[in-house]
Amino acid sequence: MQRRSFLAAPLLSAASLQAQTSRPKTPPLAEKIHAYGMDWQVISAADWKVQGEEVQLVTARPQQADPRRPIQFALAGMEPVSKFTLDVEVQRSKPKGSLILVYAWQKDGYFDYVHLSDDPAGKVEVHNGIFHCYGGDRVRISPKEGPGTLLSEDWHKVKVEYDGGRGLVEAWVDGATSPSLKGVDLSLTSGRIGFGSFFNTANFRNLRIRK
């Protein structure tokens, strides 16, 4: 009996190692686009179109699992910041859609983001809120109380305020906020900023960052 147990252990370890190595890896942000006076790192520049003050995400890259977190976003080529205000106009895809604004990005898989959608969080708990990624799947870190935000296919004005010293982020859409758009994370207190979408295409224009 002891010999069987001893021989089985390496087989289990090998199977576990094979499962881990076969998991899909996050594609690297290997290319760049230029918008809003700076370079932005992206997976593929062909996924984006820049037209003056408008940036269009024209190709979606849903990340279904291993890990389940957004990967399709443009990451600002700037030093990490611990406090900022971001203003941007956004337009979701038709007939339904959502988009994200990334903050406190430190390295692949370690970042937070604001998710904006036509769905209220009470209906779809992984939509419309503040989310945290720390090496694994994304986790919601804001309450679910609040309405959907991108209720129409029109352009919407968005403001995000972040204070890494307090770990606090809050977002407004067309001047309105709610508990679902306010979250606290004390594990990532500074980082880089980005924009994109988890599952859809989206448009962004007139983006400004004030430190």
Protein backbone atom coordinates (compact mmCIF):
# COMPACT_ATOMS: atom_id res chain seq x y z
CA MET A 1 0.00 0.00 0.00
CA GLN A 2 2.80 2.37 0.79
CA ARG A 3 4.45 1.67 -2.58
CA ARG A 4 1.24 2.50 -4.50
CA SER A 5 0.83 5.78 -2.69
CA PHE A 6 4.45 6.67 -3.36
CA LEU A 7 4.18 5.93 -7.08
CA ALA A 8 0.87 7.78 -7.53
CA ALA A 9 2.19 11.09 -6.23
CA PRO A 10 4.49 11.94 -9.18
CA LEU A 11 1.71 11.07 -11.64
CA LEU A 12 -0.65 13.53 -9.98
CA SER A 13 2.02 16.21 -9.92
CA ALA A 14 2.77 15.74 -13.61
CA ALA A 15 -0.92 15.95 -14.51
CA SER A 16 -1.31 19.09 -12.44
CA LEU A 17 1.73 20.65 -14.08
CA GLN A 18 0.44 19.81 -17.55
CA ALA A 19 -2.94 21.41 -16.76
CA GLN A 20 -1.23 24.57 -15.56
CA THR A 21 1.07 24.87 -18.57
CA SER A 22 -1.81 24.27 -21.00
CA ARG A 23 -3.79 27.25 -19.73
CA PRO A 24 -3.98 30.11 -22.23
CA LYS A 25 -1.70 33.03 -21.42
CA THR A 26 -2.72 36.67 -21.51
CA PRO A 27 -1.52 38.12 -24.84
CA PRO A 28 1.20 40.73 -24.29
CA LEU A 29 0.63 44.43 -24.92
CA ALA A 30 3.25 44.27 -27.66
CA GLU A 31 2.12 47.07 -30.00
CA LYS A 32 1.25 50.76 -29.69
CA ILE A 33 -1.24 53.35 -30.84
CA HIS A 34 -0.84 57.11 -30.44
CA ALA A 35 -3.71 59.20 -29.09
CA TYR A 36 -4.33 62.09 -26.71
CA GLY A 37 -0.69 63.17 -26.91
CA MET A 38 0.88 59.89 -25.79
CA ASP A 39 1.52 56.29 -26.77
CA TRP A 40 -0.79 53.52 -25.56
CA GLN A 41 0.24 49.87 -25.35
CA VAL A 42 -2.20 47.41 -26.94
CA ILE A 43 -2.29 43.75 -27.94
CA SER A 44 -2.71 44.63 -31.62
CA ALA A 45 -2.79 48.08 -33.20
CA ALA A 46 -5.10 46.67 -35.90
CA ASP A 47 -7.81 46.30 -33.23
CA TRP A 48 -8.00 50.10 -32.89
CA LYS A 49 -8.69 53.11 -35.08
CA VAL A 50 -7.58 56.63 -34.12
CA GLN A 51 -9.38 59.55 -35.75
CA GLY A 52 -8.33 62.80 -34.16
CA GLU A 53 -9.80 62.96 -30.67
CA GLU A 54 -11.77 59.73 -31.14
CA VAL A 55 -10.39 56.24 -30.53
CA GLN A 56 -12.42 53.28 -31.73
CA LEU A 57 -11.98 49.78 -30.39
CA VAL A 58 -13.08 47.82 -33.46
CA THR A 59 -12.17 44.26 -32.42
CA ALA A 60 -13.40 42.57 -29.25
CA ARG A 61 -11.30 39.99 -27.40
CA PRO A 62 -13.52 38.29 -24.78
CA GLN A 63 -11.55 36.43 -22.12
CA GLN A 64 -13.87 33.59 -21.09
CA ALA A 65 -11.65 31.81 -18.57
CA ASP A 66 -8.15 31.14 -17.21
CA PRO A 67 -8.27 33.91 -16.14
CA ARG A 68 -11.66 35.58 -16.46
CA ARG A 69 -10.68 39.22 -16.57
CA PRO A 70 -10.47 41.86 -19.31
CA ILE A 71 -7.45 41.87 -21.61
CA GLN A 72 -8.56 44.17 -24.45
CA PHE A 73 -7.56 47.65 -23.39
CA ALA A 74 -5.11 50.40 -24.29
CA LEU A 75 -2.63 51.14 -21.50
CA ALA A 76 -1.20 54.65 -21.20
CA GLY A 77 2.54 55.02 -21.71
CA MET A 78 2.98 57.04 -18.56
CA GLU A 79 4.46 56.68 -15.10
CA PRO A 80 2.23 55.10 -12.42
CA VAL A 81 -0.01 57.64 -10.69
CA SER A 82 -1.58 57.45 -7.25
CA LYS A 83 -4.12 60.24 -7.68
CA PHE A 84 -5.92 61.53 -10.77
CA THR A 85 -9.16 62.71 -12.36
CA LEU A 86 -10.05 61.26 -15.75
CA ASP A 87 -12.61 62.84 -18.06
CA VAL A 88 -13.73 61.08 -21.25
CA GLU A 89 -16.72 60.69 -23.51
CA VAL A 90 -17.70 57.09 -24.26
CA GLN A 91 -20.05 55.25 -26.59
CA ARG A 92 -20.95 51.59 -26.15
CA SER A 93 -21.65 49.11 -28.94
CA LYS A 94 -25.10 48.42 -30.39
CA PRO A 95 -27.66 47.16 -29.46
CA LYS A 96 -26.13 46.30 -26.06
CA GLY A 97 -22.65 46.75 -24.77
CA SER A 98 -20.22 47.73 -22.07
CA LEU A 99 -16.74 49.19 -21.67
CA ILE A 100 -14.05 49.61 -19.05
CA LEU A 101 -11.70 52.26 -17.68
CA VAL A 102 -8.57 50.73 -16.15
CA TYR A 103 -6.67 52.24 -13.22
CA ALA A 104 -3.93 51.16 -10.78
CA TRP A 105 -2.44 48.81 -13.41
CA GLN A 106 0.86 47.53 -12.04
CA LYS A 107 1.59 44.45 -14.15
CA ASP A 108 -0.22 41.80 -16.17
CA GLY A 109 -3.20 40.61 -14.14
CA TYR A 110 -2.82 43.17 -11.36
CA PHE A 111 -5.13 46.15 -11.86
CA ASP A 112 -8.55 47.60 -11.08
CA TYR A 113 -11.21 48.85 -13.48
CA VAL A 114 -14.51 50.68 -13.75
CA HIS A 115 -17.10 48.72 -15.75
CA LEU A 116 -19.92 50.70 -17.40
CA SER A 117 -22.92 48.98 -18.98
CA ASP A 118 -26.58 49.31 -19.82
CA ASP A 119 -27.27 46.53 -17.29
CA PRO A 120 -27.78 47.40 -13.61
CA ALA A 121 -25.54 45.44 -11.24
CA GLY A 122 -28.61 44.06 -9.47
CA LYS A 123 -29.47 42.25 -12.71
CA VAL A 124 -25.96 41.29 -13.85
CA GLU A 125 -23.60 41.40 -10.90
CA VAL A 126 -20.44 41.43 -13.04
CA HIS A 127 -21.60 44.57 -14.86
CA ASN A 128 -21.65 48.21 -13.91
CA GLY A 129 -19.29 48.55 -10.99
CA ILE A 130 -15.73 48.57 -9.69
CA PHE A 131 -13.64 45.43 -10.11
CA HIS A 132 -10.30 44.16 -8.81
CA CYS A 133 -7.81 41.80 -10.49
CA TYR A 134 -4.98 40.31 -8.46
CA GLY A 135 -3.48 37.54 -10.53
CA GLY A 136 -6.74 35.64 -11.02
CA ASP A 137 -10.35 36.20 -12.03
CA ARG A 138 -11.84 39.66 -11.54
CA VAL A 139 -13.73 40.32 -8.31
CA ARG A 140 -16.37 42.95 -7.65
CA ILE A 141 -15.39 45.49 -4.96
CA SER A 142 -18.38 47.84 -5.12
CA PRO A 143 -21.99 47.43 -3.99
CA LYS A 144 -24.63 46.35 -6.48
CA GLU A 145 -27.07 49.17 -5.73
CA GLY A 146 -27.54 51.50 -8.66
CA PRO A 147 -28.98 51.76 -12.15
CA GLY A 148 -27.38 50.91 -15.47
CA THR A 149 -25.27 53.76 -16.80
CA LEU A 150 -24.93 53.52 -20.59
CA LEU A 151 -28.65 53.26 -21.25
CA SER A 152 -28.50 54.67 -24.77
CA GLU A 153 -26.20 54.34 -27.76
CA ASP A 154 -25.38 58.05 -27.54
CA TRP A 155 -22.13 59.53 -26.26
CA HIS A 156 -21.91 59.78 -22.47
CA LYS A 157 -19.64 61.99 -20.37
CA VAL A 158 -17.69 60.02 -17.76
CA LYS A 159 -15.54 61.23 -14.89
CA VAL A 160 -13.39 58.98 -12.71
CA GLU A 161 -11.65 60.23 -9.55
CA TYR A 162 -9.01 58.07 -7.89
CA ASP A 163 -7.13 58.55 -4.61
CA GLY A 164 -4.67 55.71 -4.11
CA GLY A 165 -3.76 56.90 -0.62
CA ARG A 166 -7.30 56.07 0.45
CA GLY A 167 -7.73 53.29 -2.11
CA LEU A 168 -10.89 55.07 -3.23
CA VAL A 169 -12.31 55.36 -6.73
CA GLU A 170 -15.62 56.90 -7.77
CA ALA A 171 -17.17 57.34 -11.21
CA TRP A 172 -19.89 59.59 -12.63
CA VAL A 173 -21.78 59.12 -15.90
CA ASP A 174 -23.50 62.21 -17.26
CA GLY A 175 -23.08 63.79 -13.84
CA ALA A 176 -24.71 60.97 -11.86
CA THR A 177 -23.14 58.37 -9.58
CA SER A 178 -24.40 55.54 -7.35
CA PRO A 179 -23.07 53.07 -4.75
CA SER A 180 -22.23 50.62 -7.55
CA LEU A 181 -19.72 53.13 -8.97
CA LYS A 182 -17.71 53.60 -5.78
CA GLY A 183 -15.12 51.11 -4.52
CA VAL A 184 -12.08 50.77 -2.27
CA ASP A 185 -8.92 48.72 -2.89
CA LEU A 186 -5.91 49.09 -0.59
CA SER A 187 -3.76 46.44 -2.28
CA LEU A 188 -3.11 48.45 -5.45
CA THR A 189 -2.51 52.07 -4.49
CA SER A 190 -1.02 53.39 -7.73
CA GLY A 191 -0.54 52.38 -11.34
CA ARG A 192 -1.20 53.18 -14.98
CA ILE A 193 -4.47 54.11 -16.69
CA GLY A 194 -6.24 52.50 -19.63
CA PHE A 195 -9.50 52.09 -21.54
CA GLY A 196 -11.17 49.30 -23.51
CA SER A 197 -13.82 46.62 -23.11
CA PHE A 198 -14.24 43.17 -21.60
CA PHE A 199 -16.53 41.71 -24.27
CA ASN A 200 -17.49 44.38 -26.80
CA THR A 201 -16.28 47.10 -29.10
CA ALA A 202 -16.53 50.71 -27.94
CA ASN A 203 -15.64 54.31 -28.80
CA PHE A 204 -13.81 56.91 -26.72
CA ARG A 205 -13.14 60.60 -27.36
CA ASN A 206 -11.79 63.76 -25.71
CA LEU A 207 -9.92 61.86 -23.00
CA ARG A 208 -8.13 64.02 -20.43
CA ILE A 209 -6.10 63.01 -17.36
CA ARG A 210 -5.49 65.47 -14.56
CA LYS A 211 -2.96 64.43 -11.91
